[in-house]
Amino acid sequence: MTEEEDRVEYAEQNALLKRRFDAVLTEPIPARMYLKRPAWLDYARAAMLVAVGVAIGLAAPMLRTPAPSPVAFAVPLQVRAARAHLVYSPEVRHPVEVEAKEKDHLVKWLSKRLGTNLRVPLLSSEGFELLGGRLLPGNDGPVAQFMYQEASGKRLTLYVTRPHKGDNVTAFRFAQEGPVSVFYWIDRDCGYALSGEIDKPTLARVASVVYKQLEP
C-alpha cells in the first residue's frame, strides 16, 4: 500500500470514529456526577471531628473558670449593716419582727439563732427607745438587727453578727455608705455596726454608749 493510500485510510477511520463517538463526547455531564462525594471525603471529615473533640476535651480544664472564693466576695460588715438599715428603717407598720414589749423573748430567740449570748443596749439616755428586732441572713449565717427610734422619728439600727473569716478584728471605725453613717467594730465573739441617717458626731456619741454597754 502506498503512502497516499495510507493517508486516505486513516482519514476514513477518523471520520468513522467522529460519526460514532462525537455525540457521546459532547453530552453534558449528569448532575449526579457532581453530587457524588468520594468515599475518602467522609472518612476525612469524621477524622477531623474526632480530632476537634479530643482537642476541646483536653482544653476544657484550662478554660474552666475557678469557683469564686467566698472570702473574696464577702460583703464588708459596714456595707451589710447600711443596706439592712436602708431596707427596714423606713417601714411604718412592720419595722421589726418582735417588738420591744417582748424583749426577753427577742433576746433569747436571737441569741439561740446566733449561738451566742446577746445583750441589747439601752439608749434612752440618748433619746432613742428600743422598737424591737428581727433576724436577718448574713455571709455565714443568721444576723440580729435591733432598731431604735427617737421622738422626731429618726431611727438607728444595731447590726450584730458572728465575725466572718474575712472580717478583721477592728477598733472603733466609721464609714459612710450613701446616706447612712455607720460606726462599727469587731470583738472576739461578735461584729457590731450602728447605722443611722444622722450626723457623724451624734452617731459617734450613741455608738460610744453602745460600745460601753456591750464591752464593760
N, C-alpha and C. Protein backbone atom coordinates (compact mmCIF):
# COMPACT_ATOMS: atom_id res chain seq x y z
N MET A 1 0.85 -1.18 0.00
CA MET A 1 0.00 0.00 0.00
C MET A 1 0.89 1.24 0.00
N THR A 2 0.51 2.19 -0.87
CA THR A 2 1.33 3.39 -0.99
C THR A 2 1.03 4.34 0.16
N GLU A 3 1.91 5.30 0.28
CA GLU A 3 1.75 6.31 1.34
C GLU A 3 0.45 7.09 1.16
N GLU A 4 0.10 7.34 -0.10
CA GLU A 4 -1.14 8.08 -0.37
C GLU A 4 -2.35 7.28 0.05
N GLU A 5 -2.29 5.99 -0.18
CA GLU A 5 -3.40 5.13 0.20
C GLU A 5 -3.54 5.06 1.72
N ASP A 6 -2.39 5.07 2.45
CA ASP A 6 -2.43 5.05 3.92
C ASP A 6 -3.14 6.29 4.46
N ARG A 7 -2.83 7.45 3.92
CA ARG A 7 -3.46 8.69 4.39
C ARG A 7 -4.97 8.65 4.17
N VAL A 8 -5.38 8.09 3.03
CA VAL A 8 -6.81 8.01 2.74
C VAL A 8 -7.50 7.09 3.73
N GLU A 9 -6.85 5.97 4.08
CA GLU A 9 -7.45 5.01 5.01
C GLU A 9 -7.58 5.62 6.42
N TYR A 10 -6.51 6.31 6.87
CA TYR A 10 -6.56 6.97 8.20
C TYR A 10 -7.66 8.03 8.26
N ALA A 11 -7.82 8.76 7.19
CA ALA A 11 -8.85 9.80 7.15
C ALA A 11 -10.24 9.19 7.25
N GLU A 12 -10.44 8.04 6.54
CA GLU A 12 -11.74 7.38 6.61
C GLU A 12 -12.02 6.85 8.02
N GLN A 13 -10.93 6.31 8.69
CA GLN A 13 -11.12 5.81 10.05
C GLN A 13 -11.47 6.94 11.03
N ASN A 14 -10.80 8.05 10.90
CA ASN A 14 -11.09 9.21 11.77
C ASN A 14 -12.52 9.70 11.58
N ALA A 15 -12.94 9.74 10.32
CA ALA A 15 -14.29 10.19 10.04
C ALA A 15 -15.31 9.24 10.65
N LEU A 16 -15.03 7.93 10.58
CA LEU A 16 -15.93 6.95 11.16
C LEU A 16 -16.01 7.09 12.68
N LEU A 17 -14.85 7.28 13.35
CA LEU A 17 -14.83 7.46 14.82
C LEU A 17 -15.61 8.69 15.26
N LYS A 18 -15.43 9.78 14.54
CA LYS A 18 -16.15 11.01 14.87
C LYS A 18 -17.64 10.83 14.75
N ARG A 19 -18.08 10.16 13.67
CA ARG A 19 -19.52 9.96 13.48
C ARG A 19 -20.11 9.13 14.61
N ARG A 20 -19.30 8.15 15.12
CA ARG A 20 -19.83 7.22 16.12
C ARG A 20 -19.76 7.79 17.54
N PHE A 21 -18.70 8.53 17.89
CA PHE A 21 -18.48 8.91 19.29
C PHE A 21 -18.56 10.41 19.59
N ASP A 22 -18.60 11.27 18.58
CA ASP A 22 -18.67 12.70 18.87
C ASP A 22 -19.93 13.07 19.66
N ALA A 23 -21.05 12.41 19.36
CA ALA A 23 -22.29 12.72 20.08
C ALA A 23 -22.16 12.43 21.57
N VAL A 24 -21.44 11.34 21.91
CA VAL A 24 -21.23 10.98 23.32
C VAL A 24 -20.31 11.97 24.01
N LEU A 25 -19.24 12.37 23.29
CA LEU A 25 -18.26 13.29 23.88
C LEU A 25 -18.85 14.66 24.17
N THR A 26 -19.85 15.05 23.42
CA THR A 26 -20.43 16.38 23.62
C THR A 26 -21.64 16.39 24.54
N GLU A 27 -22.05 15.21 25.07
CA GLU A 27 -23.16 15.16 26.01
C GLU A 27 -22.79 15.89 27.30
N PRO A 28 -23.75 16.61 28.00
CA PRO A 28 -23.46 17.25 29.30
C PRO A 28 -23.25 16.19 30.38
N ILE A 29 -22.38 16.55 31.35
CA ILE A 29 -22.10 15.62 32.45
C ILE A 29 -23.31 15.55 33.36
N PRO A 30 -23.83 14.37 33.69
CA PRO A 30 -25.02 14.24 34.56
C PRO A 30 -24.81 14.91 35.92
N ALA A 31 -25.89 15.49 36.46
CA ALA A 31 -25.79 16.19 37.75
C ALA A 31 -25.36 15.26 38.86
N ARG A 32 -25.73 13.99 38.79
CA ARG A 32 -25.37 13.05 39.86
C ARG A 32 -23.87 12.88 40.00
N MET A 33 -23.15 13.13 38.87
CA MET A 33 -21.70 13.02 38.92
C MET A 33 -21.10 14.15 39.76
N TYR A 34 -21.77 15.34 39.76
CA TYR A 34 -21.27 16.43 40.58
C TYR A 34 -21.58 16.20 42.07
N LEU A 35 -22.76 15.59 42.35
CA LEU A 35 -23.21 15.44 43.73
C LEU A 35 -22.57 14.27 44.46
N LYS A 36 -22.07 13.35 43.75
CA LYS A 36 -21.50 12.17 44.40
C LYS A 36 -20.17 12.52 45.04
N ARG A 37 -20.03 12.25 46.36
CA ARG A 37 -18.80 12.55 47.07
C ARG A 37 -17.91 11.31 47.10
N PRO A 38 -16.66 11.50 46.95
CA PRO A 38 -15.76 10.35 47.07
C PRO A 38 -15.76 9.83 48.50
N ALA A 39 -15.60 8.54 48.67
CA ALA A 39 -15.66 7.90 50.00
C ALA A 39 -14.62 8.46 50.94
N TRP A 40 -13.44 8.80 50.45
CA TRP A 40 -12.36 9.28 51.33
C TRP A 40 -12.72 10.59 52.02
N LEU A 41 -13.67 11.38 51.38
CA LEU A 41 -14.05 12.66 51.97
C LEU A 41 -14.81 12.44 53.28
N ASP A 42 -15.69 11.42 53.32
CA ASP A 42 -16.43 11.11 54.54
C ASP A 42 -15.48 10.68 55.66
N TYR A 43 -14.48 9.86 55.31
CA TYR A 43 -13.51 9.42 56.32
C TYR A 43 -12.70 10.60 56.85
N ALA A 44 -12.33 11.50 55.95
CA ALA A 44 -11.54 12.67 56.36
C ALA A 44 -12.35 13.56 57.30
N ARG A 45 -13.63 13.74 56.95
CA ARG A 45 -14.48 14.59 57.79
C ARG A 45 -14.67 13.97 59.17
N ALA A 46 -14.89 12.67 59.26
CA ALA A 46 -15.05 12.00 60.55
C ALA A 46 -13.79 12.13 61.39
N ALA A 47 -12.63 11.97 60.74
CA ALA A 47 -11.37 12.09 61.48
C ALA A 47 -11.17 13.49 62.02
N MET A 48 -11.59 14.49 61.24
CA MET A 48 -11.45 15.88 61.69
C MET A 48 -12.33 16.14 62.91
N LEU A 49 -13.59 15.63 62.89
CA LEU A 49 -14.48 15.83 64.02
C LEU A 49 -13.94 15.17 65.29
N VAL A 50 -13.35 13.99 65.15
CA VAL A 50 -12.75 13.31 66.30
C VAL A 50 -11.61 14.13 66.87
N ALA A 51 -10.77 14.67 65.97
CA ALA A 51 -9.63 15.47 66.42
C ALA A 51 -10.07 16.73 67.15
N VAL A 52 -11.13 17.39 66.63
CA VAL A 52 -11.64 18.60 67.29
C VAL A 52 -12.21 18.26 68.67
N GLY A 53 -12.93 17.14 68.77
CA GLY A 53 -13.50 16.74 70.06
C GLY A 53 -12.42 16.46 71.09
N VAL A 54 -11.36 15.78 70.67
CA VAL A 54 -10.25 15.49 71.59
C VAL A 54 -9.60 16.79 72.06
N ALA A 55 -9.40 17.73 71.12
CA ALA A 55 -8.77 19.00 71.48
C ALA A 55 -9.60 19.78 72.48
N ILE A 56 -10.93 19.80 72.28
CA ILE A 56 -11.81 20.50 73.22
C ILE A 56 -11.77 19.84 74.59
N GLY A 57 -11.77 18.53 74.61
CA GLY A 57 -11.72 17.81 75.88
C GLY A 57 -10.45 18.10 76.65
N LEU A 58 -9.32 18.19 75.95
CA LEU A 58 -8.06 18.47 76.62
C LEU A 58 -7.99 19.91 77.11
N ALA A 59 -8.64 20.82 76.37
CA ALA A 59 -8.56 22.24 76.73
C ALA A 59 -9.56 22.63 77.80
N ALA A 60 -10.62 21.82 78.00
CA ALA A 60 -11.69 22.20 78.92
C ALA A 60 -11.20 22.52 80.33
N PRO A 61 -10.31 21.68 80.94
CA PRO A 61 -9.85 22.02 82.30
C PRO A 61 -9.17 23.36 82.38
N MET A 62 -8.45 23.77 81.33
CA MET A 62 -7.75 25.05 81.34
C MET A 62 -8.70 26.21 81.17
N LEU A 63 -9.85 25.99 80.47
CA LEU A 63 -10.80 27.05 80.23
C LEU A 63 -11.81 27.22 81.35
N ARG A 64 -11.92 26.22 82.23
CA ARG A 64 -12.91 26.27 83.29
C ARG A 64 -12.59 27.38 84.26
N THR A 65 -13.60 28.21 84.56
CA THR A 65 -13.42 29.31 85.50
C THR A 65 -13.41 28.78 86.92
N PRO A 66 -12.38 29.11 87.70
CA PRO A 66 -12.33 28.61 89.07
C PRO A 66 -13.47 29.17 89.91
N ALA A 67 -13.95 28.35 90.85
CA ALA A 67 -15.03 28.79 91.72
C ALA A 67 -14.59 29.99 92.55
N PRO A 68 -15.43 31.02 92.65
CA PRO A 68 -15.05 32.21 93.40
C PRO A 68 -14.86 31.89 94.87
N SER A 69 -13.88 32.52 95.48
CA SER A 69 -13.63 32.35 96.89
C SER A 69 -14.69 33.07 97.70
N PRO A 70 -15.31 32.40 98.69
CA PRO A 70 -16.33 33.07 99.50
C PRO A 70 -15.79 34.31 100.18
N VAL A 71 -14.51 34.26 100.62
CA VAL A 71 -13.92 35.40 101.31
C VAL A 71 -13.77 36.57 100.37
N ALA A 72 -13.37 36.29 99.11
CA ALA A 72 -13.11 37.36 98.15
C ALA A 72 -14.37 38.14 97.83
N PHE A 73 -15.54 37.48 97.88
CA PHE A 73 -16.77 38.13 97.50
C PHE A 73 -17.65 38.46 98.71
N ALA A 74 -17.13 38.31 99.93
CA ALA A 74 -17.90 38.64 101.12
C ALA A 74 -18.10 40.14 101.20
N VAL A 75 -19.34 40.54 101.53
CA VAL A 75 -19.65 41.96 101.66
C VAL A 75 -19.18 42.43 103.04
N PRO A 76 -18.44 43.54 103.11
CA PRO A 76 -17.94 44.02 104.40
C PRO A 76 -19.06 44.31 105.39
N LEU A 77 -18.72 44.21 106.67
CA LEU A 77 -19.68 44.39 107.74
C LEU A 77 -20.44 45.71 107.63
N GLN A 78 -19.72 46.81 107.44
CA GLN A 78 -20.38 48.12 107.41
C GLN A 78 -21.35 48.26 106.24
N VAL A 79 -21.04 47.62 105.12
CA VAL A 79 -21.92 47.68 103.95
C VAL A 79 -23.19 46.87 104.21
N ARG A 80 -23.03 45.69 104.78
CA ARG A 80 -24.20 44.86 105.10
C ARG A 80 -25.13 45.59 106.07
N ALA A 81 -24.53 46.21 107.07
CA ALA A 81 -25.33 46.91 108.08
C ALA A 81 -26.08 48.09 107.47
N ALA A 82 -25.40 48.86 106.63
CA ALA A 82 -26.04 50.02 105.99
C ALA A 82 -27.19 49.59 105.09
N ARG A 83 -26.99 48.52 104.34
CA ARG A 83 -28.06 48.05 103.45
C ARG A 83 -29.27 47.58 104.24
N ALA A 84 -29.02 46.86 105.34
CA ALA A 84 -30.13 46.39 106.17
C ALA A 84 -30.87 47.57 106.78
N HIS A 85 -30.13 48.60 107.17
CA HIS A 85 -30.77 49.80 107.73
C HIS A 85 -31.68 50.46 106.68
N LEU A 86 -31.18 50.60 105.47
CA LEU A 86 -31.96 51.24 104.41
C LEU A 86 -33.22 50.45 104.07
N VAL A 87 -33.15 49.12 104.20
CA VAL A 87 -34.31 48.28 103.85
C VAL A 87 -35.40 48.38 104.91
N TYR A 88 -35.01 48.31 106.20
CA TYR A 88 -36.01 48.15 107.26
C TYR A 88 -36.36 49.43 108.02
N SER A 89 -35.47 50.39 108.08
CA SER A 89 -35.76 51.60 108.87
C SER A 89 -36.95 52.41 108.33
N PRO A 90 -37.24 52.40 107.01
CA PRO A 90 -38.41 53.18 106.54
C PRO A 90 -39.76 52.52 106.84
N GLU A 91 -39.75 51.24 107.26
CA GLU A 91 -41.01 50.52 107.47
C GLU A 91 -41.86 51.22 108.54
N VAL A 92 -43.14 51.36 108.27
CA VAL A 92 -44.05 52.01 109.21
C VAL A 92 -44.78 50.98 110.06
N ARG A 93 -45.39 50.00 109.41
CA ARG A 93 -46.19 49.03 110.15
C ARG A 93 -45.39 47.84 110.66
N HIS A 94 -44.32 47.47 109.92
CA HIS A 94 -43.56 46.27 110.29
C HIS A 94 -42.05 46.56 110.32
N PRO A 95 -41.62 47.49 111.15
CA PRO A 95 -40.18 47.77 111.20
C PRO A 95 -39.38 46.66 111.86
N VAL A 96 -40.05 45.85 112.71
CA VAL A 96 -39.37 44.76 113.43
C VAL A 96 -40.24 43.51 113.38
N GLU A 97 -39.61 42.38 113.66
CA GLU A 97 -40.36 41.12 113.75
C GLU A 97 -40.95 40.93 115.15
N VAL A 98 -40.12 41.25 116.16
CA VAL A 98 -40.54 41.11 117.56
C VAL A 98 -40.42 42.47 118.22
N GLU A 99 -41.49 42.94 118.83
CA GLU A 99 -41.49 44.27 119.42
C GLU A 99 -40.78 44.29 120.77
N ALA A 100 -40.47 45.52 121.22
CA ALA A 100 -39.71 45.71 122.46
C ALA A 100 -40.43 45.17 123.68
N LYS A 101 -41.77 45.14 123.65
CA LYS A 101 -42.52 44.63 124.79
C LYS A 101 -42.25 43.14 125.04
N GLU A 102 -41.70 42.46 124.03
CA GLU A 102 -41.29 41.06 124.18
C GLU A 102 -39.77 40.95 124.15
N LYS A 103 -39.13 41.88 124.81
CA LYS A 103 -37.67 41.97 124.78
C LYS A 103 -36.99 40.68 125.22
N ASP A 104 -37.45 40.09 126.30
CA ASP A 104 -36.80 38.87 126.81
C ASP A 104 -36.87 37.74 125.77
N HIS A 105 -38.04 37.59 125.18
CA HIS A 105 -38.19 36.57 124.14
C HIS A 105 -37.29 36.88 122.94
N LEU A 106 -37.24 38.16 122.56
CA LEU A 106 -36.42 38.59 121.43
C LEU A 106 -34.95 38.25 121.64
N VAL A 107 -34.44 38.58 122.81
CA VAL A 107 -33.02 38.34 123.10
C VAL A 107 -32.73 36.83 123.15
N LYS A 108 -33.61 36.09 123.78
CA LYS A 108 -33.40 34.64 123.87
C LYS A 108 -33.43 33.99 122.50
N TRP A 109 -34.37 34.40 121.67
CA TRP A 109 -34.52 33.83 120.32
C TRP A 109 -33.30 34.13 119.45
N LEU A 110 -32.92 35.40 119.41
CA LEU A 110 -31.78 35.77 118.56
C LEU A 110 -30.46 35.21 119.10
N SER A 111 -30.32 35.11 120.41
CA SER A 111 -29.11 34.51 120.99
C SER A 111 -28.97 33.05 120.56
N LYS A 112 -30.10 32.35 120.58
CA LYS A 112 -30.08 30.94 120.17
C LYS A 112 -29.72 30.80 118.70
N ARG A 113 -30.28 31.67 117.85
CA ARG A 113 -30.01 31.58 116.42
C ARG A 113 -28.56 31.93 116.10
N LEU A 114 -27.98 32.90 116.80
CA LEU A 114 -26.60 33.30 116.52
C LEU A 114 -25.58 32.43 117.26
N GLY A 115 -26.06 31.68 118.26
CA GLY A 115 -25.15 30.80 119.01
C GLY A 115 -24.26 31.55 119.98
N THR A 116 -24.76 32.66 120.51
CA THR A 116 -24.00 33.44 121.49
C THR A 116 -24.98 34.22 122.35
N ASN A 117 -24.56 34.63 123.54
CA ASN A 117 -25.44 35.38 124.42
C ASN A 117 -25.42 36.86 124.04
N LEU A 118 -26.55 37.33 123.54
CA LEU A 118 -26.65 38.72 123.10
C LEU A 118 -27.16 39.60 124.24
N ARG A 119 -26.75 40.87 124.17
CA ARG A 119 -27.27 41.90 125.08
C ARG A 119 -27.79 43.06 124.25
N VAL A 120 -28.88 43.64 124.70
CA VAL A 120 -29.48 44.75 123.97
C VAL A 120 -29.18 46.05 124.72
N PRO A 121 -28.41 46.95 124.12
CA PRO A 121 -28.10 48.21 124.80
C PRO A 121 -29.35 49.05 125.03
N LEU A 122 -29.35 49.81 126.11
CA LEU A 122 -30.43 50.75 126.41
C LEU A 122 -29.95 52.15 126.05
N LEU A 123 -30.70 52.85 125.18
CA LEU A 123 -30.26 54.14 124.67
C LEU A 123 -31.23 55.27 125.02
N SER A 124 -32.02 55.06 126.07
CA SER A 124 -32.98 56.09 126.46
C SER A 124 -32.27 57.39 126.84
N SER A 125 -31.10 57.29 127.42
CA SER A 125 -30.35 58.49 127.83
C SER A 125 -29.96 59.33 126.63
N GLU A 126 -29.92 58.71 125.44
CA GLU A 126 -29.56 59.43 124.21
C GLU A 126 -30.80 59.81 123.40
N GLY A 127 -31.97 59.52 123.98
CA GLY A 127 -33.22 59.90 123.30
C GLY A 127 -33.77 58.84 122.36
N PHE A 128 -33.19 57.65 122.36
CA PHE A 128 -33.65 56.58 121.45
C PHE A 128 -34.23 55.42 122.25
N GLU A 129 -35.44 55.01 121.89
CA GLU A 129 -36.11 53.90 122.55
C GLU A 129 -36.10 52.66 121.65
N LEU A 130 -35.98 51.51 122.27
CA LEU A 130 -35.96 50.25 121.52
C LEU A 130 -37.34 49.97 120.93
N LEU A 131 -37.38 49.72 119.61
CA LEU A 131 -38.63 49.32 118.95
C LEU A 131 -38.77 47.80 118.93
N GLY A 132 -37.65 47.10 118.84
CA GLY A 132 -37.65 45.64 118.76
C GLY A 132 -36.51 45.17 117.88
N GLY A 133 -36.68 44.00 117.30
CA GLY A 133 -35.60 43.46 116.49
C GLY A 133 -36.10 42.42 115.50
N ARG A 134 -35.17 41.91 114.68
CA ARG A 134 -35.51 40.90 113.68
C ARG A 134 -34.28 40.05 113.38
N LEU A 135 -34.54 38.92 112.72
CA LEU A 135 -33.49 38.01 112.27
C LEU A 135 -33.22 38.27 110.79
N LEU A 136 -31.94 38.35 110.41
CA LEU A 136 -31.56 38.58 109.02
C LEU A 136 -30.56 37.53 108.56
N PRO A 137 -30.44 37.30 107.26
CA PRO A 137 -29.39 36.42 106.74
C PRO A 137 -28.08 37.18 106.63
N GLY A 138 -26.98 36.49 106.89
CA GLY A 138 -25.65 37.10 106.79
C GLY A 138 -24.75 36.32 105.87
N ASN A 139 -23.46 36.67 105.83
CA ASN A 139 -22.50 35.98 104.98
C ASN A 139 -22.37 34.51 105.35
N ASP A 140 -22.31 34.23 106.65
CA ASP A 140 -22.07 32.86 107.11
C ASP A 140 -23.20 32.29 107.95
N GLY A 141 -24.26 33.04 108.13
CA GLY A 141 -25.34 32.55 108.99
C GLY A 141 -26.25 33.68 109.41
N PRO A 142 -27.03 33.45 110.46
CA PRO A 142 -28.01 34.44 110.89
C PRO A 142 -27.38 35.69 111.49
N VAL A 143 -28.11 36.79 111.39
CA VAL A 143 -27.70 38.09 111.90
C VAL A 143 -28.87 38.68 112.68
N ALA A 144 -28.57 39.42 113.73
CA ALA A 144 -29.60 40.10 114.51
C ALA A 144 -29.57 41.59 114.20
N GLN A 145 -30.75 42.19 114.12
CA GLN A 145 -30.86 43.64 113.95
C GLN A 145 -31.82 44.19 115.01
N PHE A 146 -31.33 45.16 115.79
CA PHE A 146 -32.15 45.85 116.78
C PHE A 146 -32.40 47.26 116.28
N MET A 147 -33.63 47.74 116.45
CA MET A 147 -33.98 49.06 115.94
C MET A 147 -34.42 49.98 117.07
N TYR A 148 -33.96 51.23 116.97
CA TYR A 148 -34.28 52.26 117.96
C TYR A 148 -34.89 53.47 117.25
N GLN A 149 -35.68 54.23 118.00
CA GLN A 149 -36.31 55.41 117.42
C GLN A 149 -36.39 56.53 118.45
N GLU A 150 -36.13 57.78 117.99
CA GLU A 150 -36.27 58.93 118.87
C GLU A 150 -37.61 59.62 118.61
N ALA A 151 -37.90 60.63 119.39
CA ALA A 151 -39.22 61.29 119.33
C ALA A 151 -39.50 61.90 117.97
N SER A 152 -38.45 62.37 117.27
CA SER A 152 -38.66 63.00 115.96
C SER A 152 -38.92 61.99 114.86
N GLY A 153 -38.75 60.72 115.18
CA GLY A 153 -38.99 59.68 114.18
C GLY A 153 -37.72 59.11 113.57
N LYS A 154 -36.57 59.71 113.88
CA LYS A 154 -35.31 59.17 113.34
C LYS A 154 -34.99 57.84 113.99
N ARG A 155 -34.41 56.95 113.19
CA ARG A 155 -34.15 55.60 113.67
C ARG A 155 -32.67 55.22 113.56
N LEU A 156 -32.27 54.37 114.47
CA LEU A 156 -30.95 53.76 114.45
C LEU A 156 -31.14 52.25 114.43
N THR A 157 -30.21 51.54 113.81
CA THR A 157 -30.23 50.07 113.85
C THR A 157 -28.87 49.56 114.31
N LEU A 158 -28.92 48.57 115.16
CA LEU A 158 -27.70 47.90 115.62
C LEU A 158 -27.65 46.52 114.98
N TYR A 159 -26.66 46.31 114.14
CA TYR A 159 -26.49 45.07 113.37
C TYR A 159 -25.48 44.21 114.11
N VAL A 160 -25.86 42.98 114.47
CA VAL A 160 -24.99 42.10 115.25
C VAL A 160 -24.82 40.79 114.51
N THR A 161 -23.57 40.39 114.31
CA THR A 161 -23.28 39.16 113.58
C THR A 161 -22.09 38.45 114.18
N ARG A 162 -22.03 37.15 113.97
CA ARG A 162 -20.80 36.44 114.34
C ARG A 162 -19.72 36.87 113.35
N PRO A 163 -18.48 37.04 113.80
CA PRO A 163 -17.43 37.52 112.89
C PRO A 163 -17.26 36.60 111.69
N HIS A 164 -17.16 37.19 110.52
CA HIS A 164 -16.89 36.46 109.29
C HIS A 164 -15.38 36.30 109.16
N LYS A 165 -14.94 35.19 108.56
CA LYS A 165 -13.49 34.96 108.46
C LYS A 165 -12.79 36.00 107.60
N GLY A 166 -13.56 36.77 106.82
CA GLY A 166 -12.96 37.84 106.04
C GLY A 166 -12.92 39.16 106.79
N ASP A 167 -13.57 39.23 107.98
CA ASP A 167 -13.59 40.45 108.77
C ASP A 167 -12.41 40.45 109.73
N ASN A 168 -11.66 41.52 109.73
CA ASN A 168 -10.54 41.65 110.65
C ASN A 168 -11.03 42.24 111.97
N VAL A 169 -10.35 41.85 113.06
CA VAL A 169 -10.67 42.43 114.36
C VAL A 169 -10.32 43.90 114.31
N THR A 170 -11.29 44.74 114.60
CA THR A 170 -11.05 46.17 114.47
C THR A 170 -11.41 46.91 115.74
N ALA A 171 -10.85 48.08 115.88
CA ALA A 171 -11.30 49.02 116.89
C ALA A 171 -12.47 49.80 116.30
N PHE A 172 -12.90 50.81 117.01
CA PHE A 172 -13.99 51.66 116.55
C PHE A 172 -13.66 52.27 115.19
N ARG A 173 -14.55 52.10 114.20
CA ARG A 173 -14.32 52.67 112.87
C ARG A 173 -15.60 53.30 112.34
N PHE A 174 -15.41 54.26 111.43
CA PHE A 174 -16.54 54.96 110.82
C PHE A 174 -16.53 54.75 109.32
N ALA A 175 -17.75 54.64 108.74
CA ALA A 175 -17.89 54.53 107.29
C ALA A 175 -19.15 55.27 106.87
N GLN A 176 -19.10 55.80 105.67
CA GLN A 176 -20.28 56.46 105.09
C GLN A 176 -20.71 55.65 103.88
N GLU A 177 -21.89 55.07 103.95
CA GLU A 177 -22.42 54.26 102.86
C GLU A 177 -23.65 54.96 102.30
N GLY A 178 -23.45 55.81 101.30
CA GLY A 178 -24.56 56.59 100.78
C GLY A 178 -25.05 57.55 101.85
N PRO A 179 -26.36 57.56 102.11
CA PRO A 179 -26.89 58.47 103.13
C PRO A 179 -26.72 57.95 104.55
N VAL A 180 -26.21 56.72 104.70
CA VAL A 180 -26.14 56.07 106.01
C VAL A 180 -24.73 56.19 106.61
N SER A 181 -24.69 56.69 107.84
CA SER A 181 -23.43 56.73 108.60
C SER A 181 -23.36 55.46 109.44
N VAL A 182 -22.17 54.86 109.53
CA VAL A 182 -22.01 53.60 110.26
C VAL A 182 -20.77 53.66 111.14
N PHE A 183 -20.94 53.36 112.43
CA PHE A 183 -19.82 53.10 113.32
C PHE A 183 -19.82 51.60 113.57
N TYR A 184 -18.67 50.96 113.39
CA TYR A 184 -18.63 49.50 113.52
C TYR A 184 -17.34 49.05 114.18
N TRP A 185 -17.39 47.86 114.77
CA TRP A 185 -16.23 47.26 115.42
C TRP A 185 -16.47 45.76 115.54
N ILE A 186 -15.40 45.02 115.77
CA ILE A 186 -15.48 43.56 115.89
C ILE A 186 -14.70 43.12 117.12
N ASP A 187 -15.32 42.33 117.97
CA ASP A 187 -14.57 41.75 119.08
C ASP A 187 -14.41 40.25 118.82
N ARG A 188 -14.07 39.50 119.83
CA ARG A 188 -13.82 38.07 119.62
C ARG A 188 -15.09 37.28 119.36
N ASP A 189 -16.22 37.76 119.85
CA ASP A 189 -17.46 37.00 119.74
C ASP A 189 -18.41 37.49 118.66
N CYS A 190 -18.46 38.80 118.46
CA CYS A 190 -19.44 39.36 117.52
C CYS A 190 -18.90 40.59 116.80
N GLY A 191 -19.52 40.86 115.67
CA GLY A 191 -19.27 42.11 114.97
C GLY A 191 -20.49 43.00 115.15
N TYR A 192 -20.26 44.30 115.37
CA TYR A 192 -21.35 45.24 115.63
C TYR A 192 -21.25 46.40 114.66
N ALA A 193 -22.41 46.91 114.25
CA ALA A 193 -22.45 48.09 113.39
C ALA A 193 -23.70 48.90 113.74
N LEU A 194 -23.48 50.15 114.16
CA LEU A 194 -24.58 51.05 114.47
C LEU A 194 -24.77 51.98 113.29
N SER A 195 -25.97 51.97 112.71
CA SER A 195 -26.23 52.72 111.48
C SER A 195 -27.37 53.70 111.67
N GLY A 196 -27.26 54.84 110.98
CA GLY A 196 -28.34 55.82 111.04
C GLY A 196 -28.12 56.93 110.03
N GLU A 197 -29.20 57.56 109.64
CA GLU A 197 -29.12 58.70 108.73
C GLU A 197 -29.11 59.98 109.57
N ILE A 198 -28.08 60.07 110.39
CA ILE A 198 -27.90 61.23 111.27
C ILE A 198 -26.45 61.69 111.15
N ASP A 199 -26.16 62.85 111.76
CA ASP A 199 -24.81 63.39 111.63
C ASP A 199 -23.81 62.54 112.39
N LYS A 200 -22.57 62.63 111.95
CA LYS A 200 -21.50 61.79 112.50
C LYS A 200 -21.28 62.02 114.00
N PRO A 201 -21.22 63.27 114.49
CA PRO A 201 -20.98 63.46 115.93
C PRO A 201 -22.05 62.80 116.80
N THR A 202 -23.33 62.93 116.39
CA THR A 202 -24.40 62.32 117.18
C THR A 202 -24.28 60.81 117.17
N LEU A 203 -24.04 60.25 115.99
CA LEU A 203 -23.90 58.78 115.89
C LEU A 203 -22.70 58.30 116.68
N ALA A 204 -21.61 59.07 116.67
CA ALA A 204 -20.41 58.69 117.42
C ALA A 204 -20.70 58.65 118.93
N ARG A 205 -21.47 59.61 119.40
CA ARG A 205 -21.80 59.65 120.83
C ARG A 205 -22.64 58.44 121.22
N VAL A 206 -23.64 58.12 120.40
CA VAL A 206 -24.50 56.98 120.70
C VAL A 206 -23.71 55.67 120.59
N ALA A 207 -22.85 55.58 119.59
CA ALA A 207 -22.05 54.37 119.42
C ALA A 207 -21.14 54.13 120.61
N SER A 208 -20.63 55.19 121.20
CA SER A 208 -19.78 55.05 122.39
C SER A 208 -20.57 54.46 123.55
N VAL A 209 -21.84 54.89 123.68
CA VAL A 209 -22.70 54.36 124.73
C VAL A 209 -22.96 52.87 124.49
N VAL A 210 -23.23 52.52 123.23
CA VAL A 210 -23.46 51.11 122.89
C VAL A 210 -22.21 50.28 123.20
N TYR A 211 -21.08 50.78 122.81
CA TYR A 211 -19.83 50.05 122.99
C TYR A 211 -19.57 49.79 124.49
N LYS A 212 -19.79 50.82 125.34
CA LYS A 212 -19.53 50.68 126.76
C LYS A 212 -20.47 49.66 127.40
N GLN A 213 -21.71 49.59 126.91
CA GLN A 213 -22.65 48.63 127.48
C GLN A 213 -22.36 47.20 127.04
N LEU A 214 -21.83 47.06 125.85
CA LEU A 214 -21.54 45.72 125.34
C LEU A 214 -20.16 45.24 125.75
N GLU A 215 -19.26 46.17 126.04
CA GLU A 215 -17.89 45.81 126.41
C GLU A 215 -17.54 46.47 127.75
N PRO A 216 -18.18 46.04 128.83
CA PRO A 216 -17.95 46.69 130.14
C PRO A 216 -16.52 46.44 130.64
